[in-house]
Structure formats: C-alpha cells, structure tokens
C-alpha cells in the first residue's frame, strides 16, 4: 500500500490527523493496535465539542460542578457557569473517531508498529499485522507518530523522544451508584491528598452509568491500586462493581523537538502535549493531531521538510502560555500537603473560579479583568509565602 501519510496510533490525536489530511485531499493509512483503552477521566470542554464537531451521542454526562477536596477534607465547590464540561468514555469515543476517519477515506490497518525503513521507494512503516501475525509494511512520504507517551516512533526517530517526563495514571471504571450526599452524577471530584497521590491528584469523574475513579503519580514505589482503593473508600464507592481497570503513562511536558527533519512528525501524547497541573489531554491531543496534519500537508505541498516544524510552532503559539502557567502552578502547589491545602483554599476565591473555568472552557488565558488578575496574584504570593492561613477564605 502506498499513501501520502502513514499515521501510527489511532487515539484522538492520530484519528484527527488522519481525518484532517483526508479532507485536505491526501491519502492516509491509519495504523492502530486494537483493544487498548487509555485510562482517562474523560473530560472535554465545550471548545473541543465545537472545534471537532462531536455529537451529543458521545457525551455520557454533563458536569455542572467541580469539587476540590484538600488533604484535611475541606471541600470547595466550583460551579461551571454558562456551560458544562462534557464527559466521554474512551472505550467508545476513540473508536468513534477512528471510524469517522475511516469513513472519510483513511485506510485502517490493525497491528503493532515495529520500525521504519527507508529506501529509494519511500518511507516504509513495518508493523505486525494482528490478523496474520506476520510482518507487513505500508509505504508513505511522511509519518505522523501519534502512538502515546512512550512513543516507539519518537524514541526511534526524534532527538529527545526517549526522555519525555511522565506520571503514571491508573483508574478503575466502576458501576455508578445512585445520586446521594457523597456522589453527584453531575459533579467531578478532584482530590488533592498525599495519601491518594503524593505529587498529583485523585479523581472521581461521572460517566453516566459508570464512573472513572483514579489517580496519578510520577514517583516510584507508590502502589496505584492501593491508593485508588483508598480513594474509593473515602468517596463511598468501595462497594461499587468494578467494570475494568487501566493504567498508562501521561506526559508532563512538550518535547523540545517534534520532527526528525526528514519525514516524521509527532502528535498528541507522543509530543508531550498534556496540560501540567490538570493532566488534561484529550483536547490538546486532538489539537496536536490537527497541527501535525497541517504541517504534513504543508510539507507535501512545498517539498520543504522544515515545514514539519510548523506542528510545534502552531501548537505553542496557541497554547504555550497556558502550559507555562499551569506548569508553574503544579511546581508551586503539588509538592506537599501543606501547599495543596493552600491551593484548595485559593480555589475558594470567586475570581479564581471564574477565570480558571473561562480559561478551561475557551482554552485561553483571560485578560479582560486585570484587577481580578492582580487580586489573584497577591493572594497567590500570600499563600506561597505563608502570610495567610490555608484555612482562611
């Protein structure tokens, strides 16, 4: 098979890259391993729903409130004004995107990536075909590596692709209990507690008939399953039936280079585009796929391999500042329970709530209220310097 672009990885990033390239007039092969479900809370903002034309049928819950829970058990409820946070189940959402790309015209291949070979006939992606168990190959002019946080394509082809920092995320999909005083099917709970995660957070995210309960950590020696069991017990969910369990790495920082200067460009988790602090990845993965497709199309049109650099440039031009701010927030507040207590206290401020969710919903830092930003900055410095008690609101 000969195509313009071979996309390795059929998650949200790879599927969007494949679909965008097809719609811009190129031929595409989409290679994916079947049966893998990524552990993910499943939250998607309204901007994703609009930008990528996601139908209501994929939204399994509409979240109206986010609850922040501190190490001492303090709860701060943040209402989501003028909208909602959509929830998807990755088991069905990812397959929907793959089918959509295939329906648009992408050639879907099922198998495991092995290596890239090159000769006078082009760039060959060699994979193990799932059906036959034999090695097979597909030939393209370019390759998009969208094969996850520990990307085989990145390690083999892109300088620094083997050094991406990440946390390990683990979650359990459970049968959702009836609504009660402890479980609200329209509320996401985010738990900042060193018992659950010493350096990240735990979560309870409703998915309609099911819920995702999990945590993440970048530290060695943490028992993820025991921590999740403790989270389930603390959330009143210990007796709920477990549907499935999943774990995977989640990158923490965009790579310094996303292409090999020749015929490969990275997208999504393979490029490291998960937001610090929040761990949000679906929207940024899909945008990573879109800019990778844009860069690949530009390279195919112009014949200039340096056009592959457009993927990273376009992404960071739009989202780099948000990533820097969120990275600074994580470094400042996630290092101890005392700092996490102060972070939850800071979230009690109405300006913090409004600006945070405006930025989340629209994927841009809000600059329309400078006095609110000044007030937040002063409170932030006061908390980090210890001038105020974390129990003050």
Protein backbone atom coordinates (compact mmCIF):
# COMPACT_ATOMS: atom_id res chain seq x y z
CA UNK A 1 0.00 0.00 0.00
CA UNK A 2 1.31 3.45 -0.93
CA UNK A 3 -0.11 6.62 0.65
CA UNK A 4 0.92 10.19 1.27
CA UNK A 5 0.99 9.88 5.08
CA UNK A 6 1.10 6.94 7.48
CA UNK A 7 -0.37 7.79 10.90
CA UNK A 8 0.88 5.49 13.66
CA UNK A 9 -1.62 5.43 16.54
CA UNK A 10 -5.40 5.67 16.39
CA UNK A 11 -6.20 7.61 19.54
CA UNK A 12 -7.82 11.06 19.37
CA UNK A 13 -4.63 12.68 18.05
CA UNK A 14 -3.93 10.19 15.29
CA UNK A 15 -7.56 9.92 14.23
CA UNK A 16 -7.94 13.69 13.89
CA UNK A 17 -4.66 13.93 11.97
CA UNK A 18 -5.82 11.22 9.58
CA UNK A 19 -9.25 12.76 9.05
CA UNK A 20 -7.87 16.27 8.51
CA UNK A 21 -5.37 15.03 5.94
CA UNK A 22 -8.05 13.09 4.06
CA UNK A 23 -10.28 16.16 3.98
CA UNK A 24 -7.39 18.22 2.59
CA UNK A 25 -7.04 15.81 -0.33
CA UNK A 26 -4.31 13.43 0.79
CA UNK A 27 -4.20 9.64 1.05
CA UNK A 28 -3.68 8.23 4.55
CA UNK A 29 -3.14 4.90 6.29
CA UNK A 30 -4.10 4.77 9.98
CA UNK A 31 -2.27 2.05 11.93
CA UNK A 32 -3.64 1.19 15.36
CA UNK A 33 -3.48 -1.59 17.91
CA UNK A 34 -6.95 -2.92 18.63
CA UNK A 35 -8.44 -3.37 22.07
CA UNK A 36 -6.47 -0.85 24.10
CA UNK A 37 -8.43 1.65 26.22
CA UNK A 38 -6.46 4.54 27.68
CA UNK A 39 -7.08 5.38 31.36
CA UNK A 40 -8.61 8.83 31.33
CA UNK A 41 -11.10 10.86 33.32
CA UNK A 42 -12.78 11.66 30.02
CA UNK A 43 -13.45 15.39 30.46
CA UNK A 44 -13.80 17.50 27.32
CA UNK A 45 -14.53 21.26 27.21
CA UNK A 46 -17.14 22.96 25.01
CA UNK A 47 -14.42 24.27 22.70
CA UNK A 48 -13.43 20.69 21.82
CA UNK A 49 -17.03 19.76 21.12
CA UNK A 50 -17.34 22.75 18.78
CA UNK A 51 -13.90 22.60 17.13
CA UNK A 52 -14.12 18.90 16.35
CA UNK A 53 -17.87 18.56 15.75
CA UNK A 54 -18.51 15.98 18.48
CA UNK A 55 -22.13 14.75 18.51
CA UNK A 56 -24.30 14.61 21.62
CA UNK A 57 -24.32 10.82 21.38
CA UNK A 58 -20.70 10.74 22.57
CA UNK A 59 -21.38 12.86 25.68
CA UNK A 60 -22.19 10.44 28.51
CA UNK A 61 -22.51 13.11 31.23
CA UNK A 62 -22.68 16.90 31.55
CA UNK A 63 -20.82 18.17 34.56
CA UNK A 64 -22.11 21.30 36.29
CA UNK A 65 -19.77 21.49 39.31
CA UNK A 66 -16.14 20.74 40.11
CA UNK A 67 -15.36 19.90 43.74
CA UNK A 68 -11.82 20.42 45.05
CA UNK A 69 -11.01 18.36 48.15
CA UNK A 70 -7.99 19.24 50.31
CA UNK A 71 -5.77 16.95 52.41
CA UNK A 72 -7.77 17.86 55.52
CA UNK A 73 -11.05 17.06 53.76
CA UNK A 74 -12.02 20.66 53.04
CA UNK A 75 -14.38 20.87 50.05
CA UNK A 76 -14.65 23.77 47.64
CA UNK A 77 -17.39 23.53 45.03
CA UNK A 78 -16.83 25.49 41.82
CA UNK A 79 -19.95 25.95 39.69
CA UNK A 80 -19.47 25.81 35.93
CA UNK A 81 -21.28 28.90 34.73
CA UNK A 82 -22.65 29.36 31.21
CA UNK A 83 -21.94 25.85 30.06
CA UNK A 84 -20.84 22.40 31.11
CA UNK A 85 -17.90 20.02 30.96
CA UNK A 86 -18.70 17.04 28.75
CA UNK A 87 -17.65 13.54 29.74
CA UNK A 88 -16.78 10.78 27.28
CA UNK A 89 -15.91 7.12 27.71
CA UNK A 90 -12.63 6.49 25.89
CA UNK A 91 -13.67 2.93 25.00
CA UNK A 92 -16.34 4.34 22.68
CA UNK A 93 -15.02 7.86 21.97
CA UNK A 94 -11.71 6.73 20.48
CA UNK A 95 -13.39 4.15 18.28
CA UNK A 96 -15.91 6.76 17.11
CA UNK A 97 -13.02 8.97 15.95
CA UNK A 98 -11.28 6.07 14.21
CA UNK A 99 -14.46 5.12 12.38
CA UNK A 100 -15.02 8.75 11.39
CA UNK A 101 -11.51 8.94 9.92
CA UNK A 102 -12.06 5.66 8.07
CA UNK A 103 -15.42 6.82 6.74
CA UNK A 104 -13.71 9.94 5.43
CA UNK A 105 -11.32 7.75 3.44
CA UNK A 106 -8.39 6.73 5.66
CA UNK A 107 -7.17 3.14 5.16
CA UNK A 108 -7.35 1.49 8.58
CA UNK A 109 -4.69 -1.07 9.49
CA UNK A 110 -4.69 -3.12 12.69
CA UNK A 111 -1.35 -4.14 14.10
CA UNK A 112 1.67 -3.18 16.20
CA UNK A 113 4.31 -0.74 14.96
CA UNK A 114 7.77 -2.29 14.70
CA UNK A 115 10.09 0.09 12.86
CA UNK A 116 10.60 2.50 9.98
CA UNK A 117 12.71 1.52 6.96
CA UNK A 118 13.76 3.68 4.03
CA UNK A 119 14.91 3.04 0.50
CA UNK A 120 14.52 4.52 -2.96
CA UNK A 121 10.83 3.66 -2.99
CA UNK A 122 10.00 5.74 0.08
CA UNK A 123 9.50 5.54 3.82
CA UNK A 124 8.11 2.18 4.97
CA UNK A 125 6.29 1.61 8.25
CA UNK A 126 6.80 -2.01 9.24
CA UNK A 127 4.21 -3.49 11.60
CA UNK A 128 2.99 -6.84 12.85
CA UNK A 129 -0.41 -7.47 11.36
CA UNK A 130 -2.89 -8.56 14.02
CA UNK A 131 -4.84 -10.93 11.79
CA UNK A 132 -1.91 -12.85 10.28
CA UNK A 133 0.74 -12.35 12.96
CA UNK A 134 3.20 -11.66 10.13
CA UNK A 135 5.25 -8.56 9.38
CA UNK A 136 3.64 -6.19 6.90
CA UNK A 137 4.51 -2.76 5.57
CA UNK A 138 2.85 0.37 4.32
CA UNK A 139 4.73 3.00 2.34
CA UNK A 140 4.29 6.74 2.64
CA UNK A 141 6.00 10.03 2.01
CA UNK A 142 5.60 11.12 5.65
CA UNK A 143 4.86 9.51 9.01
CA UNK A 144 2.92 11.00 11.92
CA UNK A 145 3.83 9.37 15.24
CA UNK A 146 0.73 9.51 17.45
CA UNK A 147 1.48 6.37 19.44
CA UNK A 148 1.36 7.63 23.02
CA UNK A 149 3.54 8.90 25.84
CA UNK A 150 6.26 6.27 25.43
CA UNK A 151 6.13 6.51 21.66
CA UNK A 152 8.17 3.95 19.75
CA UNK A 153 8.19 6.33 16.78
CA UNK A 154 9.54 9.18 18.92
CA UNK A 155 12.23 7.03 20.53
CA UNK A 156 13.46 5.75 17.18
CA UNK A 157 13.17 8.89 15.07
CA UNK A 158 13.14 12.18 17.01
CA UNK A 159 16.03 13.51 19.13
CA UNK A 160 14.98 13.56 22.80
CA UNK A 161 11.95 11.38 22.10
CA UNK A 162 13.12 8.84 24.65
CA UNK A 163 13.40 11.33 27.53
CA UNK A 164 9.85 12.60 27.97
CA UNK A 165 8.83 13.05 31.66
CA UNK A 166 5.53 11.48 32.68
CA UNK A 167 3.29 10.40 35.50
CA UNK A 168 1.63 7.01 35.67
CA UNK A 169 -2.17 7.23 35.71
CA UNK A 170 -4.37 4.41 36.95
CA UNK A 171 -8.13 4.28 37.16
CA UNK A 172 -11.00 1.90 37.68
CA UNK A 173 -14.24 2.21 35.77
CA UNK A 174 -17.00 1.35 38.21
CA UNK A 175 -20.74 0.97 38.03
CA UNK A 176 -22.09 4.34 39.15
CA UNK A 177 -24.13 4.35 42.36
CA UNK A 178 -27.39 6.28 42.71
CA UNK A 179 -27.07 10.00 43.39
CA UNK A 180 -26.51 10.66 47.09
CA UNK A 181 -24.92 13.06 49.54
CA UNK A 182 -21.47 11.70 48.61
CA UNK A 183 -21.89 11.00 44.88
CA UNK A 184 -23.31 13.53 42.44
CA UNK A 185 -23.56 12.36 38.79
CA UNK A 186 -23.18 15.99 37.66
CA UNK A 187 -20.07 16.77 39.73
CA UNK A 188 -16.38 15.98 39.24
CA UNK A 189 -14.36 15.48 42.42
CA UNK A 190 -10.64 16.30 42.38
CA UNK A 191 -8.79 15.07 45.48
CA UNK A 192 -5.54 16.78 46.48
CA UNK A 193 -4.31 14.45 49.22
CA UNK A 194 -0.85 12.95 49.68
CA UNK A 195 -2.41 9.69 50.86
CA UNK A 196 -4.01 9.31 47.43
CA UNK A 197 -1.22 10.88 45.37
CA UNK A 198 1.93 12.45 46.85
CA UNK A 199 2.64 14.59 43.79
CA UNK A 200 -0.50 14.79 41.64
CA UNK A 201 -4.17 14.18 42.46
CA UNK A 202 -7.02 11.66 42.55
CA UNK A 203 -10.36 11.97 40.81
CA UNK A 204 -13.95 10.77 40.70
CA UNK A 205 -15.46 11.61 37.32
CA UNK A 206 -19.05 10.53 36.49
CA UNK A 207 -19.68 8.85 33.13
CA UNK A 208 -23.42 8.41 33.27
CA UNK A 209 -23.99 4.75 34.08
CA UNK A 210 -20.36 4.37 35.12
CA UNK A 211 -17.65 6.49 36.76
CA UNK A 212 -13.88 6.83 36.50
CA UNK A 213 -12.05 6.68 39.84
CA UNK A 214 -8.28 7.04 39.72
CA UNK A 215 -5.06 8.86 40.48
CA UNK A 216 -1.67 9.67 39.03
CA UNK A 217 1.90 9.90 40.29
CA UNK A 218 5.38 10.39 38.94
CA UNK A 219 7.06 8.84 41.98
CA UNK A 220 8.42 5.32 42.15
CA UNK A 221 7.16 2.99 44.86
CA UNK A 222 3.58 4.26 45.00
CA UNK A 223 1.01 1.45 44.98
CA UNK A 224 -1.52 2.80 42.49
CA UNK A 225 -4.11 0.13 43.15
CA UNK A 226 -3.97 0.61 46.93
CA UNK A 227 -4.20 4.39 46.51
CA UNK A 228 -7.24 4.00 44.25
CA UNK A 229 -8.83 1.62 46.76
CA UNK A 230 -8.31 4.28 49.45
CA UNK A 231 -9.88 6.88 47.17
CA UNK A 232 -12.89 4.66 46.52
CA UNK A 233 -13.33 4.07 50.25
CA UNK A 234 -13.04 7.79 51.06
CA UNK A 235 -15.57 8.58 48.33
CA UNK A 236 -18.10 5.97 49.44
CA UNK A 237 -17.53 3.87 46.29
CA UNK A 238 -15.77 0.81 47.69
CA UNK A 239 -18.75 -1.49 47.15
CA UNK A 240 -19.48 -0.45 43.56
CA UNK A 241 -18.90 -3.14 40.93
CA UNK A 242 -15.65 -2.72 39.02
CA UNK A 243 -16.09 -2.85 35.25
CA UNK A 244 -12.46 -2.56 34.15
CA UNK A 245 -9.02 -1.39 35.31
CA UNK A 246 -6.46 0.52 33.23
CA UNK A 247 -3.10 2.19 33.62
CA UNK A 248 -0.77 4.17 31.35
CA UNK A 249 1.86 6.95 31.33
CA UNK A 250 0.77 10.56 30.87
CA UNK A 251 3.43 13.04 29.65
CA UNK A 252 4.09 16.21 31.61
CA UNK A 253 5.96 18.46 29.17
CA UNK A 254 6.01 19.06 25.40
CA UNK A 255 9.16 17.76 23.73
CA UNK A 256 11.70 20.29 22.53
CA UNK A 257 11.55 18.83 19.02
CA UNK A 258 8.57 17.19 17.29
CA UNK A 259 10.10 16.18 13.95
CA UNK A 260 13.19 14.42 12.64
CA UNK A 261 13.93 16.99 9.95
CA UNK A 262 13.18 14.45 7.27
CA UNK A 263 9.87 12.59 7.16
CA UNK A 264 8.45 12.14 10.69
CA UNK A 265 6.44 14.48 12.91
CA UNK A 266 4.91 13.70 16.32
CA UNK A 267 1.42 14.41 17.66
CA UNK A 268 -0.53 14.14 20.90
CA UNK A 269 1.00 12.30 23.87
CA UNK A 270 3.96 11.31 21.70
CA UNK A 271 4.83 15.02 21.54
CA UNK A 272 4.08 15.51 25.25
CA UNK A 273 1.02 17.71 24.92
CA UNK A 274 -0.81 17.05 28.19
CA UNK A 275 -1.52 20.12 30.30
CA UNK A 276 0.51 20.35 33.53
CA UNK A 277 -1.39 20.65 36.81
CA UNK A 278 -4.72 19.49 35.38
CA UNK A 279 -3.47 16.50 33.37
CA UNK A 280 -5.98 17.40 30.67
CA UNK A 281 -5.06 15.65 27.47
CA UNK A 282 -7.92 14.92 25.08
CA UNK A 283 -8.35 18.45 23.73
CA UNK A 284 -4.61 19.03 23.43
CA UNK A 285 -4.08 15.63 21.79
CA UNK A 286 -6.68 16.45 19.16
CA UNK A 287 -5.17 19.88 18.57
CA UNK A 288 -1.76 18.18 18.33
CA UNK A 289 -3.18 15.92 15.65
CA UNK A 290 -4.61 18.90 13.80
CA UNK A 291 -1.34 20.88 13.74
CA UNK A 292 0.61 17.74 12.75
CA UNK A 293 -1.78 17.31 9.82
CA UNK A 294 -1.33 20.99 8.92
CA UNK A 295 2.46 20.63 8.99
CA UNK A 296 2.39 17.41 6.96
CA UNK A 297 0.10 18.95 4.33
CA UNK A 298 2.38 22.00 4.09
CA UNK A 299 5.43 19.76 3.66
CA UNK A 300 3.74 17.67 0.97
CA UNK A 301 2.69 20.80 -0.88
CA UNK A 302 6.01 22.66 -0.69
CA UNK A 303 8.52 19.82 -0.59
CA UNK A 304 10.31 21.59 2.29
CA UNK A 305 10.97 19.28 5.23
CA UNK A 306 11.35 22.26 7.56
CA UNK A 307 7.60 22.79 7.21
CA UNK A 308 7.22 19.84 9.62
CA UNK A 309 8.36 22.27 12.33
CA UNK A 310 5.04 24.07 11.92
CA UNK A 311 3.33 21.50 14.16
CA UNK A 312 5.20 22.53 17.30
CA UNK A 313 5.25 26.23 16.39
CA UNK A 314 1.50 26.42 15.78
CA UNK A 315 0.67 24.48 18.94
CA UNK A 316 2.87 26.51 21.28
CA UNK A 317 1.81 29.81 19.71
CA UNK A 318 -1.75 28.99 20.75
CA UNK A 319 -1.22 27.06 24.00
CA UNK A 320 2.35 27.61 25.19
CA UNK A 321 1.47 30.33 27.69
CA UNK A 322 -1.26 28.20 29.26
CA UNK A 323 1.20 25.32 29.63
CA UNK A 324 3.78 27.59 31.28
CA UNK A 325 1.28 28.96 33.79
CA UNK A 326 -0.08 25.50 34.63
CA UNK A 327 3.45 24.14 34.96
CA UNK A 328 4.35 26.89 37.42
CA UNK A 329 1.17 26.15 39.37
CA UNK A 330 2.00 22.45 39.63
CA UNK A 331 5.57 23.15 40.73
CA UNK A 332 4.36 25.60 43.36
CA UNK A 333 1.44 23.73 44.89
CA UNK A 334 1.79 19.97 44.34
CA UNK A 335 4.96 19.43 46.34
CA UNK A 336 3.38 18.90 49.79
CA UNK A 337 0.04 18.54 51.55
CA UNK A 338 0.56 21.92 53.19
CA UNK A 339 0.89 23.51 49.74
CA UNK A 340 -2.10 21.54 48.41
CA UNK A 341 -4.17 22.78 51.35
CA UNK A 342 -3.30 26.33 50.34
CA UNK A 343 -4.13 25.62 46.71
CA UNK A 344 -7.65 24.43 47.58
CA UNK A 345 -8.05 27.47 49.83
CA UNK A 346 -7.08 29.71 46.91
CA UNK A 347 -9.73 27.98 44.76
CA UNK A 348 -12.38 29.31 47.15
CA UNK A 349 -11.88 32.78 45.64
CA UNK A 350 -14.66 33.63 43.19
CA UNK A 351 -12.25 35.36 40.78
CA UNK A 352 -10.03 32.26 40.71
CA UNK A 353 -13.07 30.13 39.96
CA UNK A 354 -14.34 32.32 37.14
CA UNK A 355 -11.00 32.91 35.47
CA UNK A 356 -10.00 29.24 35.80
CA UNK A 357 -13.11 27.92 34.12
CA UNK A 358 -13.23 30.64 31.49
CA UNK A 359 -9.69 29.58 30.56
CA UNK A 360 -10.63 25.89 30.65
CA UNK A 361 -13.76 26.29 28.55
CA UNK A 362 -12.15 28.54 25.93
CA UNK A 363 -8.53 27.30 26.14
CA UNK A 364 -7.13 30.81 26.51
CA UNK A 365 -5.88 32.85 29.44
CA UNK A 366 -8.48 35.52 30.17
CA UNK A 367 -7.12 39.07 30.05
CA UNK A 368 -10.36 41.03 30.27
CA UNK A 369 -10.28 41.62 34.06
CA UNK A 370 -6.85 42.98 35.07
CA UNK A 371 -7.96 43.85 38.62
CA UNK A 372 -9.06 40.27 39.18
CA UNK A 373 -5.67 39.03 37.95
CA UNK A 374 -3.89 41.45 40.31
CA UNK A 375 -6.01 40.30 43.24
CA UNK A 376 -5.31 36.65 42.45
CA UNK A 377 -1.60 37.34 42.11
CA UNK A 378 -1.46 38.98 45.54
CA UNK A 379 -3.38 36.11 47.14
CA UNK A 380 -1.13 33.59 45.41
CA UNK A 381 2.00 35.25 46.77
CA UNK A 382 0.45 35.44 50.24
CA UNK A 383 -0.30 31.72 50.25
CA UNK A 384 3.09 30.67 48.88
CA UNK A 385 4.92 32.88 51.40
CA UNK A 386 2.81 31.58 54.31
CA UNK A 387 1.48 35.03 55.20
CA UNK A 388 -2.09 33.70 55.37
CA UNK A 389 -3.55 30.54 56.82
CA UNK A 390 -4.70 27.95 54.28
CA UNK A 391 -7.94 27.72 56.25
CA UNK A 392 -8.84 31.33 55.52
CA UNK A 393 -11.14 32.06 52.60
